[in-house]
Amino acid sequence: MGIGMAIERGFTIGRMRAAYREGWNVTTFILWARNERISYHYQDMLNDWRTVVSNEEKGGKLRFVSADKYPTDAIIQDNYWQYEKDYIYTVKWWEEGKELTEENARFGTLLSDELLTRGEVEEGFIESYYEVEEYKGIVIQKVQGWTVARRVGYLEEEQ
């Protein structure tokens, strides 16, 4: 995928989120995209729409799962985007010394080939966070599991 295509697709995915929140369906969105002369592979656009809808409907639900329990299919998002691992976990975290407010919250990602409990996700994020050299001086005050997504599509072979 060329850089121009990636930028156009990124813009389109952002617009999909807004369209879904406004109550659009996939047909209305695709007609709008054609009218705006935005186009990329039709099946990719449908997969992006499905992923955005799944993210919007199931976002933030991992925080309601007990730390020692596995998430169920009811809260696992279907993700058609290309990742190297089967599960993509998003956590919300706060830096030490700052208030635990929404404005101070940051988001991070953890990838895994296995389904993990919320507690394992939070511990795994902290461990992987401190492996990155530029974050060594930052202390994490609190971590909260936020979302879990399952890779549905397959990686395309690079040629």
Protein backbone atom coordinates (compact mmCIF):
# COMPACT_ATOMS: atom_id res chain seq x y z
CA MET A 1 0.00 0.00 0.00
CA GLY A 2 1.46 3.36 -1.01
CA ILE A 3 1.70 6.33 1.36
CA GLY A 4 -1.06 8.22 -0.43
CA MET A 5 -3.37 5.24 -0.12
CA ALA A 6 -2.55 4.88 3.59
CA ILE A 7 -3.30 8.56 4.24
CA GLU A 8 -6.60 8.36 2.33
CA ARG A 9 -7.60 5.20 4.16
CA GLY A 10 -6.68 6.75 7.54
CA PHE A 11 -8.83 9.80 6.76
CA THR A 12 -11.67 7.54 5.65
CA ILE A 13 -11.54 5.47 8.84
CA GLY A 14 -11.70 8.66 10.90
CA ARG A 15 -14.72 9.79 8.89
CA MET A 16 -16.32 6.34 9.38
CA ARG A 17 -16.22 6.84 13.15
CA ALA A 18 -17.97 10.18 12.85
CA ALA A 19 -20.52 8.79 10.37
CA TYR A 20 -21.35 5.85 12.61
CA ARG A 21 -21.83 8.16 15.60
CA GLU A 22 -24.18 10.26 13.45
CA GLY A 23 -26.28 7.16 12.70
CA TRP A 24 -25.16 6.39 9.16
CA ASN A 25 -25.23 2.84 7.83
CA VAL A 26 -22.57 1.31 5.56
CA THR A 27 -24.52 1.94 2.35
CA THR A 28 -24.96 5.63 3.13
CA PHE A 29 -21.28 5.91 3.96
CA ILE A 30 -20.12 4.21 0.75
CA LEU A 31 -22.40 6.44 -1.33
CA TRP A 32 -20.94 9.48 0.44
CA ALA A 33 -17.38 8.21 -0.17
CA ARG A 34 -18.07 7.69 -3.88
CA ASN A 35 -19.55 11.17 -4.11
CA GLU A 36 -16.41 12.59 -2.45
CA ARG A 37 -14.26 10.50 -4.84
CA ILE A 38 -12.78 8.50 -1.99
CA SER A 39 -12.15 5.00 -3.11
CA TYR A 40 -10.09 1.99 -2.24
CA HIS A 41 -10.74 -1.73 -2.44
CA TYR A 42 -14.43 -2.30 -1.70
CA GLN A 43 -13.89 -5.31 0.59
CA ASP A 44 -11.26 -3.39 2.56
CA MET A 45 -13.72 -0.53 3.03
CA LEU A 46 -16.40 -2.96 4.27
CA ASN A 47 -13.91 -4.57 6.66
CA ASP A 48 -12.88 -1.13 7.94
CA TRP A 49 -16.55 -0.28 8.53
CA ARG A 50 -17.09 -3.54 10.45
CA THR A 51 -14.03 -2.86 12.59
CA VAL A 52 -15.10 0.71 13.35
CA VAL A 53 -18.62 -0.42 14.30
CA SER A 54 -17.22 -3.16 16.54
CA ASN A 55 -14.83 -0.67 18.18
CA GLU A 56 -17.63 1.81 18.81
CA GLU A 57 -20.03 -0.78 20.23
CA LYS A 58 -17.59 -2.69 22.43
CA GLY A 59 -15.04 -0.03 23.35
CA GLY A 60 -14.18 0.29 27.04
CA LYS A 61 -15.93 -2.91 28.11
CA LEU A 62 -12.82 -4.77 29.35
CA ARG A 63 -12.76 -2.57 32.46
CA PHE A 64 -15.94 -4.30 33.70
CA VAL A 65 -14.35 -7.78 33.65
CA SER A 66 -12.89 -9.10 36.92
CA ALA A 67 -9.08 -9.08 36.96
CA ASP A 68 -8.91 -12.88 37.17
CA LYS A 69 -11.51 -13.61 34.45
CA TYR A 70 -11.20 -13.93 30.69
CA PRO A 71 -13.28 -11.63 28.50
CA THR A 72 -16.20 -13.23 26.65
CA ASP A 73 -17.11 -12.93 22.98
CA ALA A 74 -19.73 -10.34 23.97
CA ILE A 75 -17.01 -7.75 24.61
CA ILE A 76 -14.26 -8.89 22.22
CA GLN A 77 -14.11 -6.65 19.17
CA ASP A 78 -13.68 -8.09 15.69
CA ASN A 79 -10.69 -6.44 14.06
CA TYR A 80 -10.03 -6.77 10.33
CA TRP A 81 -6.87 -4.64 10.42
CA GLN A 82 -3.48 -6.22 10.00
CA TYR A 83 -1.63 -6.97 13.23
CA GLU A 84 1.09 -9.52 13.91
CA LYS A 85 -0.69 -11.08 16.91
CA ASP A 86 -4.18 -12.53 17.35
CA TYR A 87 -5.33 -10.28 20.22
CA ILE A 88 -4.95 -6.53 20.60
CA TYR A 89 -5.49 -5.10 24.08
CA THR A 90 -5.88 -1.42 24.83
CA VAL A 91 -5.27 -0.09 28.34
CA LYS A 92 -5.88 3.28 29.89
CA TRP A 93 -3.10 4.45 32.22
CA TRP A 94 -2.13 7.41 34.37
CA GLU A 95 1.30 8.79 35.18
CA GLU A 96 2.31 9.06 38.83
CA GLY A 97 1.93 12.55 40.28
CA LYS A 98 -1.05 13.46 38.12
CA GLU A 99 -4.74 13.35 39.05
CA LEU A 100 -6.76 10.34 37.93
CA THR A 101 -8.91 12.35 35.53
CA GLU A 102 -9.95 11.68 31.95
CA GLU A 103 -7.78 14.60 30.78
CA ASN A 104 -4.65 12.99 32.24
CA ALA A 105 -5.37 9.47 30.98
CA ARG A 106 -3.24 7.96 28.24
CA PHE A 107 -3.82 4.89 26.12
CA GLY A 108 -1.42 2.07 25.36
CA THR A 109 -1.53 -1.18 23.42
CA LEU A 110 -0.46 -4.74 24.17
CA LEU A 111 -0.41 -7.48 21.51
CA SER A 112 -0.66 -11.20 22.32
CA ASP A 113 -1.31 -14.50 20.58
CA GLU A 114 -3.34 -15.69 23.58
CA LEU A 115 -6.52 -14.53 25.26
CA LEU A 116 -5.49 -12.98 28.58
CA THR A 117 -7.34 -12.06 31.77
CA ARG A 118 -7.70 -8.37 32.54
CA GLY A 119 -5.08 -8.69 35.27
CA GLU A 120 -2.59 -10.30 32.89
CA VAL A 121 -3.20 -7.52 30.37
CA GLU A 122 -2.52 -4.81 32.93
CA GLU A 123 0.63 -6.53 34.25
CA GLY A 124 1.86 -7.29 30.73
CA PHE A 125 1.41 -3.68 29.69
CA ILE A 126 3.46 -2.41 32.63
CA GLU A 127 6.26 -4.90 31.87
CA SER A 128 6.35 -4.05 28.17
CA TYR A 129 6.12 -0.32 28.89
CA TYR A 130 9.30 -0.28 30.94
CA GLU A 131 11.19 -2.18 28.25
CA VAL A 132 11.03 0.93 26.05
CA GLU A 133 14.06 3.10 26.82
CA GLU A 134 12.37 6.50 26.45
CA TYR A 135 9.77 5.65 29.15
CA LYS A 136 12.21 4.61 31.89
CA GLY A 137 11.75 7.86 33.85
CA ILE A 138 7.95 7.75 33.86
CA VAL A 139 6.22 5.89 36.69
CA ILE A 140 2.78 4.42 36.07
CA GLN A 141 0.30 5.19 38.84
CA LYS A 142 -2.67 3.16 37.62
CA VAL A 143 -3.51 0.89 34.67
CA GLN A 144 -7.02 -0.06 33.60
CA GLY A 145 -7.83 -2.65 30.94
CA TRP A 146 -9.97 -0.92 28.31
CA THR A 147 -10.66 -3.00 25.20
CA VAL A 148 -9.81 -6.33 23.64
CA ALA A 149 -9.94 -7.06 19.92
CA ARG A 150 -9.47 -10.29 18.01
CA ARG A 151 -7.81 -10.29 14.61
CA VAL A 152 -10.32 -11.66 12.11
CA GLY A 153 -8.56 -11.13 8.78
CA TYR A 154 -5.29 -12.67 7.68
CA LEU A 155 -2.00 -10.96 7.01
CA GLU A 156 -1.27 -10.59 3.34
CA GLU A 157 2.02 -12.05 2.16
CA GLU A 158 4.54 -9.32 1.39
CA GLN A 159 6.00 -9.61 -2.06
